[in-house]
Every structure is written in C-alpha cells, then in structure tokens.
Amino acid sequence: MNILIDIGHPGHVHLFHGVSEELKRRGHALHYSVRDIPVAKHLMEHYGMTPWVDLGGKKDSLWGKAHTVANQDFRLLRYVRRSHIDMGLSSGLVLGHVSKLTPMISFMFDDDDDAAEPLMTKYGHPFSDVVLTPECIRRKTKHAVYYAGTHELAYLHPNRFRPDPSVLQRAGIRMGERFFIMRFVALKGHHDKGQHGLELAQKRDLVNLLKSHGRVIITSERTIEPEFESYRLSVPPEDIHSLMYYCSLFLGDSQTMTSEAAVLGTPALKCNTFAGRLAVPNMLEHRFDLCYAYMPESFRSMYDHIEHLLALDPTELHDLWHGKRQRMLNELIDPTDFFADYIENWGGGRGNGM
C-alpha cells in the first residue's frame, strides 16, 4: 500500500517514526508531508522520513490557521491523487478533509479530550475514517478506536527507545550528576486560546530553588527570557528524551513533555490552566502517580512539592519512580505494534473499540 504520514508539529515526528519503520518493514511504501517547521524537518531527516512534500508555513491567529488549512487541503489533495495514496496518518485536520475527496482512508491520532479541542472535534473527527484514541478518553464520534496506551508510549516504550548515555557527555553533564530540565511553552495552538502557564516570577523562583541542588537546563518554544539564557538547552532535539531519562526532575508548563518525562520514569510537575482537565495526564498522575499538575494559582503547593522531592535521596527517588513506571508498562501496551496491525488489517469497520 501507499501510506502517507502528515506532519504538523515536531512531536508528530516522534509519534510516527516508529510506525513508519514498522510499516516499511512490512513492505508498504511510505510518503510524507510536512509544514515549514525547521525542527520537524530536522527530526524527519534524522529518522529517515524522507523525501517529503512541503505544505508551507503555519499561522498563530485563528483566521490565519483557517486560511492555512484551506491551502494545505488543496496542495495535499493534488499530492494524494497524483501518488495514489491508499491510507493517510495524521494528528491534524487536513488529511481527513482530503480523504472525503479521494479513495484514501484517513487515520487520525488524537490524544486530547473533546472538550479541550472543539475545532478538532467539529472539523477533524467527522471527516476521519478512524480516530485512534487512548482508552482513558471517551469521545462523541463513532469513529473512535480505543487502545490501552498513550502517544508518548508509541516512541518511549522500552521496545522503541533506549536512552543514549553519550548525550550526557555532549551536553557537558557527568554521569551521576544531578540536573533538572525545565520546559516553557508558547500555548499558541487552536486549543490553547485563553490558557496560560508559568509567569516570569514563578519561573525565576523555580530556577533559584533548583540551582542550589544541581544543574538547571531550560528549553523553550519561543524566545527565552534574557535572564535564563545561560540555562538554555544545548543539545539537538533528537537527544532530548535521553536527557529527560537521566535528569532528576522535569518541571514546566508543557503538556507533552510532562507526559514524556512521566513515561520515562522521571518525576514531572507542570503548572498551567489545563491542570486536571485532560484525561491522559490525569491517568499518568492518578493511576500511576508518575506526574503532577497544578493550576497557576496553586504555584505555592507545587513549589512545596518540589522541595519535598528534592529532599529525598536521589537514588531512592530514581528507584521509586522506575518502579511506578514498570507498573505502568505492565498495564499498558506498546502502541506502535497496535497502530501498525490496525492500519494494515483495517477492513472498513468503524468505532469497534479495539
């Protein structure tokens, strides 16, 4: 089969590179499309997800996003028809739209709750043949197919990921050195309207707390505040998960990286207005006790919690969290195997809740 993977964000590269390799191994021809996002293209080159068709840039405003989607619909429609694509994989809107105008079957991979993404629920799910969904989320669409896992496990399950200790050397970190990763995000997605995370003073308080216990590393989607420049991450994006595996704590206001740290067995605390509202992070927090979410007005409680974790013996903290991680791995699946099997064997059934 000709299978197209559509990339709209760097995180989609991580999500799809495993299933891409598995489908290629099974003899299918893989095609790729991507927006003009340098980090995403860098990761695609790194994982061999080439060549690709470039669908252009992205916009931050709601009107700009709508105009961009329309342009991408048209460009991808031409490519799908010309390349005789049989199936398409995506975490965005466009492939579902194109599938309604072509014989292509569209699989949407979505790990956000319906209430958190009304535009996706209205303009994405109804156009997709299948909406692959972690089983902790319940959807309105009849196209949902549920699995016992998370997006992050598709690329960070031990079957798919082995931490690379040489990343530490490249980052100037000694093996066994205590260090912390902080992630600040822009919250510019269509579902992020009206949401916010850590304020500057709160970031400053966290940096001052952490730096007395070890090295602080900061990553940021946009321009970093000048006072934090000396803490900026200095490794390529493909190394970040190994770095997260070896760090002592992950802190920030990022949804995805908090969940990534959690499934890697790294204690993770986030502070943003999505706290407590999303099923996947809630599962990792309440079912497996791997991460914690705080509203910005509860920052003091988060700060106290971090102080408590910092006071624990680092080796005991590591062993405790990796025990929790193992319980999670025992109860959830390797999603990549499930994805590849389901796509390859799909026969037109909908909403069968596999």
Protein backbone atom coordinates (compact mmCIF):
# COMPACT_ATOMS: atom_id res chain seq x y z
CA MET A 1 0.00 0.00 0.00
CA ASN A 2 0.95 3.64 -0.45
CA ILE A 3 0.75 5.22 3.01
CA LEU A 4 1.10 8.94 3.68
CA ILE A 5 2.18 10.35 7.06
CA ASP A 6 1.33 14.03 7.52
CA ILE A 7 3.46 16.01 9.99
CA GLY A 8 2.16 19.23 11.54
CA HIS A 9 4.37 19.52 14.62
CA PRO A 10 7.79 18.20 15.74
CA GLY A 11 6.03 15.93 18.22
CA HIS A 12 4.29 14.17 15.33
CA VAL A 13 7.68 13.03 14.02
CA HIS A 14 8.36 11.24 17.30
CA LEU A 15 4.84 9.76 17.29
CA PHE A 16 5.00 8.41 13.76
CA HIS A 17 8.60 7.40 13.11
CA GLY A 18 8.17 4.02 14.82
CA VAL A 19 5.03 3.03 12.94
CA SER A 20 6.63 4.36 9.75
CA GLU A 21 9.57 1.98 10.18
CA GLU A 22 7.27 -0.91 11.07
CA LEU A 23 5.07 -0.38 8.02
CA LYS A 24 8.12 -0.08 5.76
CA ARG A 25 9.45 -3.32 7.24
CA ARG A 26 6.17 -4.98 6.27
CA GLY A 27 6.63 -3.92 2.65
CA HIS A 28 4.49 -0.78 2.38
CA ALA A 29 5.58 2.39 0.55
CA LEU A 30 5.75 5.41 2.87
CA HIS A 31 5.18 9.01 1.77
CA TYR A 32 5.48 12.14 3.93
CA SER A 33 4.17 15.68 4.07
CA VAL A 34 5.27 18.40 6.48
CA ARG A 35 4.80 22.09 7.25
CA ASP A 36 7.69 24.52 7.03
CA ILE A 37 8.88 23.77 10.57
CA PRO A 38 12.70 23.53 10.80
CA VAL A 39 12.75 21.31 13.90
CA ALA A 40 10.24 18.89 12.38
CA LYS A 41 12.26 18.67 9.16
CA HIS A 42 15.47 18.13 11.13
CA LEU A 43 13.88 15.24 13.03
CA MET A 44 12.47 13.74 9.83
CA GLU A 45 15.94 13.79 8.29
CA HIS A 46 17.32 12.19 11.44
CA TYR A 47 14.78 9.35 11.35
CA GLY A 48 14.93 8.87 7.58
CA MET A 49 11.36 10.05 6.96
CA THR A 50 12.20 11.38 3.50
CA PRO A 51 11.51 12.64 0.93
CA TRP A 52 8.56 14.83 1.79
CA VAL A 53 6.18 17.31 0.23
CA ASP A 54 6.36 20.73 1.90
CA LEU A 55 2.92 22.19 2.70
CA GLY A 56 4.21 25.62 3.76
CA GLY A 57 4.19 27.59 6.99
CA LYS A 58 1.76 27.86 9.91
CA LYS A 59 -0.02 30.88 11.42
CA ASP A 60 -0.79 31.74 15.04
CA SER A 61 -4.11 33.57 14.57
CA LEU A 62 -7.37 31.63 14.24
CA TRP A 63 -8.10 33.23 10.84
CA GLY A 64 -4.55 32.52 9.73
CA LYS A 65 -4.91 28.88 10.75
CA ALA A 66 -8.17 28.55 8.80
CA HIS A 67 -6.59 30.05 5.66
CA THR A 68 -3.56 27.78 6.07
CA VAL A 69 -5.72 24.66 6.41
CA ALA A 70 -7.58 25.52 3.21
CA ASN A 71 -4.32 25.94 1.28
CA GLN A 72 -2.92 22.72 2.68
CA ASP A 73 -6.15 20.85 1.83
CA PHE A 74 -5.70 21.80 -1.83
CA ARG A 75 -1.97 21.05 -2.01
CA LEU A 76 -2.30 17.71 -0.26
CA LEU A 77 -5.32 16.75 -2.38
CA ARG A 78 -3.20 17.07 -5.52
CA TYR A 79 -0.40 15.01 -3.97
CA VAL A 80 -2.71 12.23 -2.75
CA ARG A 81 -4.34 11.91 -6.17
CA ARG A 82 -1.03 12.03 -8.05
CA SER A 83 0.66 9.49 -5.76
CA HIS A 84 -2.35 7.15 -5.46
CA ILE A 85 -2.25 7.19 -1.65
CA ASP A 86 -4.25 4.36 -0.08
CA MET A 87 -4.07 5.37 3.59
CA GLY A 88 -3.12 8.54 5.47
CA LEU A 89 -1.91 9.01 9.06
CA SER A 90 -2.08 12.35 10.82
CA SER A 91 -2.75 14.22 14.05
CA GLY A 92 -4.24 17.21 12.22
CA LEU A 93 -7.27 18.30 10.25
CA VAL A 94 -6.10 18.21 6.66
CA LEU A 95 -5.88 14.51 5.83
CA GLY A 96 -9.44 13.87 6.95
CA HIS A 97 -10.70 16.58 4.60
CA VAL A 98 -8.69 15.15 1.69
CA SER A 99 -9.94 11.63 2.39
CA LYS A 100 -13.50 12.75 1.69
CA LEU A 101 -12.49 13.75 -1.84
CA THR A 102 -10.34 10.69 -2.63
CA PRO A 103 -10.36 6.91 -2.04
CA MET A 104 -7.72 7.38 0.70
CA ILE A 105 -8.59 6.06 4.18
CA SER A 106 -7.64 8.54 6.93
CA PHE A 107 -6.46 7.64 10.42
CA MET A 108 -6.36 10.47 12.95
CA PHE A 109 -4.19 10.02 16.04
CA ASP A 110 -5.66 12.22 18.78
CA ASP A 111 -4.84 12.16 22.50
CA ASP A 112 -6.67 15.34 23.57
CA ASP A 113 -10.14 15.39 25.14
CA ASP A 114 -13.08 16.58 23.04
CA ALA A 115 -13.82 19.44 25.44
CA ALA A 116 -10.26 20.77 25.08
CA GLU A 117 -10.29 20.90 21.27
CA PRO A 118 -13.71 21.96 19.93
CA LEU A 119 -12.34 22.82 16.47
CA MET A 120 -10.77 19.39 16.06
CA THR A 121 -13.94 17.73 17.31
CA LYS A 122 -16.08 19.71 14.83
CA TYR A 123 -13.82 19.91 11.77
CA GLY A 124 -11.49 16.93 12.19
CA HIS A 125 -13.14 13.88 13.73
CA PRO A 126 -16.21 13.77 11.43
CA PHE A 127 -14.02 13.69 8.31
CA SER A 128 -11.67 10.93 9.53
CA ASP A 129 -12.38 7.24 8.97
CA VAL A 130 -10.75 6.31 12.27
CA VAL A 131 -9.81 8.38 15.34
CA LEU A 132 -7.21 6.37 17.28
CA THR A 133 -7.65 7.33 20.93
CA PRO A 134 -6.16 6.37 24.32
CA GLU A 135 -8.79 4.40 26.21
CA CYS A 136 -8.81 6.86 29.13
CA ILE A 137 -10.57 9.37 26.81
CA ARG A 138 -14.24 8.98 25.85
CA ARG A 139 -15.27 10.53 22.54
CA LYS A 140 -18.55 11.57 20.96
CA THR A 141 -17.52 10.42 17.49
CA LYS A 142 -18.48 6.93 16.35
CA HIS A 143 -15.16 6.75 14.53
CA ALA A 144 -13.12 6.34 17.73
CA VAL A 145 -10.98 3.23 18.19
CA TYR A 146 -9.51 2.88 21.68
CA TYR A 147 -6.22 1.40 22.84
CA ALA A 148 -4.55 0.95 26.24
CA GLY A 149 -1.69 3.41 25.88
CA THR A 150 -0.60 6.97 25.17
CA HIS A 151 1.04 8.80 22.28
CA GLU A 152 4.24 9.08 24.29
CA LEU A 153 4.49 5.31 24.72
CA ALA A 154 4.48 4.92 20.93
CA TYR A 155 8.05 6.21 20.89
CA LEU A 156 9.24 5.96 24.50
CA HIS A 157 8.18 2.39 25.31
CA PRO A 158 11.32 0.28 26.04
CA ASN A 159 10.56 -1.69 22.85
CA ARG A 160 11.12 1.55 20.90
CA PHE A 161 13.52 3.66 22.93
CA ARG A 162 16.87 3.11 24.60
CA PRO A 163 18.42 6.12 26.38
CA ASP A 164 21.79 7.13 24.99
CA PRO A 165 24.28 7.94 27.79
CA SER A 166 26.60 9.69 25.32
CA VAL A 167 24.03 12.53 25.22
CA LEU A 168 25.19 13.50 28.71
CA GLN A 169 28.77 13.96 27.55
CA ARG A 170 27.66 16.05 24.58
CA ALA A 171 25.66 18.24 26.97
CA GLY A 172 28.63 18.61 29.32
CA ILE A 173 26.99 16.56 32.10
CA ARG A 174 28.82 13.91 34.10
CA MET A 175 27.17 10.51 34.57
CA GLY A 176 25.54 10.62 38.01
CA GLU A 177 25.45 14.43 38.13
CA ARG A 178 22.15 15.78 39.41
CA PHE A 179 20.40 18.00 36.87
CA PHE A 180 16.90 19.28 36.12
CA ILE A 181 15.05 20.10 32.90
CA MET A 182 12.54 22.93 32.63
CA ARG A 183 10.29 23.47 29.61
CA PHE A 184 8.42 26.69 28.85
CA VAL A 185 5.84 26.67 26.03
CA ALA A 186 4.07 29.29 23.96
CA LEU A 187 0.49 27.90 24.19
CA LYS A 188 -0.29 29.06 20.64
CA GLY A 189 -2.36 26.08 19.47
CA HIS A 190 -6.01 26.49 18.45
CA HIS A 191 -7.00 24.71 21.67
CA ASP A 192 -4.75 26.96 23.81
CA LYS A 193 -6.80 30.15 23.44
CA GLY A 194 -7.22 31.79 26.85
CA GLN A 195 -4.79 29.38 28.54
CA HIS A 196 -1.55 30.25 30.31
CA GLY A 197 1.28 28.67 32.21
CA LEU A 198 4.12 29.86 34.41
CA GLU A 199 4.69 33.57 34.92
CA LEU A 200 8.17 35.07 34.83
CA ALA A 201 8.38 35.44 38.62
CA GLN A 202 7.35 31.80 39.06
CA LYS A 203 9.98 30.63 36.58
CA ARG A 204 12.55 32.66 38.49
CA ASP A 205 11.52 31.10 41.80
CA LEU A 206 11.85 27.60 40.37
CA VAL A 207 15.27 28.25 38.85
CA ASN A 208 16.53 29.67 42.15
CA LEU A 209 15.21 26.64 44.02
CA LEU A 210 16.67 24.08 41.66
CA LYS A 211 20.11 25.56 41.04
CA SER A 212 21.16 25.00 44.65
CA HIS A 213 20.56 21.25 44.17
CA GLY A 214 22.10 20.69 40.74
CA ARG A 215 22.38 21.95 37.18
CA VAL A 216 19.35 23.60 35.53
CA ILE A 217 18.62 23.15 31.81
CA ILE A 218 15.83 25.15 30.14
CA THR A 219 14.13 24.58 26.80
CA SER A 220 11.60 26.99 25.30
CA GLU A 221 9.40 27.11 22.16
CA ARG A 222 9.93 30.81 21.59
CA THR A 223 12.37 33.49 22.68
CA ILE A 224 13.73 32.74 26.12
CA GLU A 225 13.89 35.47 28.77
CA PRO A 226 17.39 37.02 28.79
CA GLU A 227 17.97 36.16 32.46
CA PHE A 228 17.57 32.44 31.62
CA GLU A 229 19.81 32.42 28.54
CA SER A 230 22.71 30.75 30.37
CA TYR A 231 20.46 27.77 31.15
CA ARG A 232 19.36 27.16 27.54
CA LEU A 233 19.45 23.58 26.24
CA SER A 234 22.47 22.91 24.08
CA VAL A 235 21.70 19.51 22.52
CA PRO A 236 19.83 18.68 19.27
CA PRO A 237 16.11 17.83 19.53
CA GLU A 238 16.63 14.10 18.90
CA ASP A 239 18.64 13.92 22.14
CA ILE A 240 16.04 15.44 24.45
CA HIS A 241 14.41 12.18 25.50
CA SER A 242 17.69 10.63 26.58
CA LEU A 243 18.42 13.78 28.56
CA MET A 244 14.97 13.60 30.17
CA TYR A 245 15.53 9.95 31.09
CA TYR A 246 18.69 10.78 33.03
CA CYS A 247 17.51 14.01 34.69
CA SER A 248 16.31 14.11 38.31
CA LEU A 249 13.18 16.22 37.83
CA PHE A 250 11.19 17.72 34.97
CA LEU A 251 9.32 20.99 35.58
CA GLY A 252 7.44 23.43 33.40
CA ASP A 253 4.15 24.26 31.70
CA SER A 254 4.39 21.80 28.78
CA GLN A 255 1.66 19.18 28.36
CA THR A 256 3.54 16.74 26.13
CA MET A 257 6.96 16.88 27.76
CA THR A 258 5.44 16.35 31.20
CA SER A 259 3.84 13.15 29.93
CA GLU A 260 7.08 12.15 28.18
CA ALA A 261 9.05 12.54 31.40
CA ALA A 262 6.40 10.54 33.26
CA VAL A 263 6.52 7.53 30.92
CA LEU A 264 10.34 7.65 31.08
CA GLY A 265 10.18 7.32 34.87
CA THR A 266 11.27 10.88 35.66
CA PRO A 267 9.28 12.81 38.31
CA ALA A 268 7.41 15.55 36.42
CA LEU A 269 5.46 18.57 37.64
CA LYS A 270 3.64 21.05 35.43
CA CYS A 271 1.84 24.31 36.10
CA ASN A 272 -0.79 25.59 33.65
CA THR A 273 -4.51 26.18 33.32
CA PHE A 274 -5.03 22.73 31.75
CA ALA A 275 -4.23 21.09 35.12
CA GLY A 276 -6.74 18.39 35.97
CA ARG A 277 -8.68 18.80 32.71
CA LEU A 278 -7.06 16.25 30.38
CA ALA A 279 -7.56 12.50 30.61
CA VAL A 280 -4.10 11.27 29.59
CA PRO A 281 -2.12 13.40 32.09
CA ASN A 282 -4.76 12.62 34.70
CA MET A 283 -4.26 8.90 34.12
CA LEU A 284 -0.48 9.22 34.47
CA GLU A 285 -1.00 11.22 37.67
CA HIS A 286 -3.87 9.46 39.43
CA ARG A 287 -3.49 5.89 38.20
CA PHE A 288 0.31 5.64 38.15
CA ASP A 289 1.50 8.56 40.35
CA LEU A 290 4.20 9.50 37.82
CA CYS A 291 3.49 13.23 37.37
CA TYR A 292 1.58 16.09 38.98
CA ALA A 293 -0.38 19.06 37.63
CA TYR A 294 -1.01 22.42 39.34
CA MET A 295 -3.06 25.43 38.39
CA PRO A 296 -1.05 28.71 38.33
CA GLU A 297 -2.88 29.93 41.45
CA SER A 298 -1.63 26.78 43.25
CA PHE A 299 2.00 27.52 42.46
CA ARG A 300 2.93 27.58 46.15
CA SER A 301 1.74 24.00 46.55
CA MET A 302 3.78 22.96 43.52
CA TYR A 303 6.84 24.71 44.96
CA ASP A 304 6.43 22.89 48.28
CA HIS A 305 6.03 19.56 46.47
CA ILE A 306 9.28 20.16 44.58
CA GLU A 307 11.06 20.96 47.84
CA HIS A 308 9.83 17.64 49.23
CA LEU A 309 11.13 15.70 46.20
CA LEU A 310 14.49 17.48 46.31
CA ALA A 311 14.90 16.46 49.95
CA LEU A 312 14.68 12.76 49.06
CA ASP A 313 17.79 10.71 48.38
CA PRO A 314 18.34 10.89 44.57
CA THR A 315 18.89 7.13 44.23
CA GLU A 316 15.77 6.31 46.24
CA LEU A 317 13.75 8.81 44.17
CA HIS A 318 15.00 7.23 40.93
CA ASP A 319 14.18 3.69 42.09
CA LEU A 320 10.74 4.72 43.37
CA TRP A 321 9.75 6.31 40.04
CA HIS A 322 11.10 3.48 37.94
CA GLY A 323 9.05 1.07 39.99
CA LYS A 324 5.96 3.14 39.18
CA ARG A 325 7.00 3.21 35.52
CA GLN A 326 7.28 -0.56 35.44
CA ARG A 327 3.75 -0.92 36.78
CA MET A 328 2.55 1.40 34.01
CA LEU A 329 4.40 -0.65 31.39
CA ASN A 330 2.84 -3.83 32.76
CA GLU A 331 -0.68 -2.40 32.40
CA LEU A 332 -0.41 -0.51 29.07
CA ILE A 333 0.64 -1.64 25.60
CA ASP A 334 3.31 -0.73 23.05
CA PRO A 335 1.03 1.40 20.83
CA THR A 336 3.26 1.19 17.76
CA ASP A 337 2.57 -2.51 17.29
CA PHE A 338 -1.14 -1.87 17.71
CA PHE A 339 -1.10 1.02 15.23
CA ALA A 340 0.73 -0.96 12.54
CA ASP A 341 -1.51 -4.03 12.94
CA TYR A 342 -4.70 -1.99 12.90
CA ILE A 343 -3.73 0.05 9.85
CA GLU A 344 -2.56 -2.98 7.90
CA ASN A 345 -5.65 -5.03 8.72
CA TRP A 346 -8.28 -2.30 8.57
CA GLY A 347 -11.30 -3.51 6.71
CA GLY A 348 -13.72 -0.62 6.89
CA GLY A 349 -15.14 -1.17 10.38
CA ARG A 350 -15.75 1.93 12.49
CA GLY A 351 -15.86 2.57 16.19
CA ASN A 352 -15.22 -1.05 17.11
CA GLY A 353 -13.28 -0.05 20.23
CA MET A 354 -10.40 -2.44 19.72
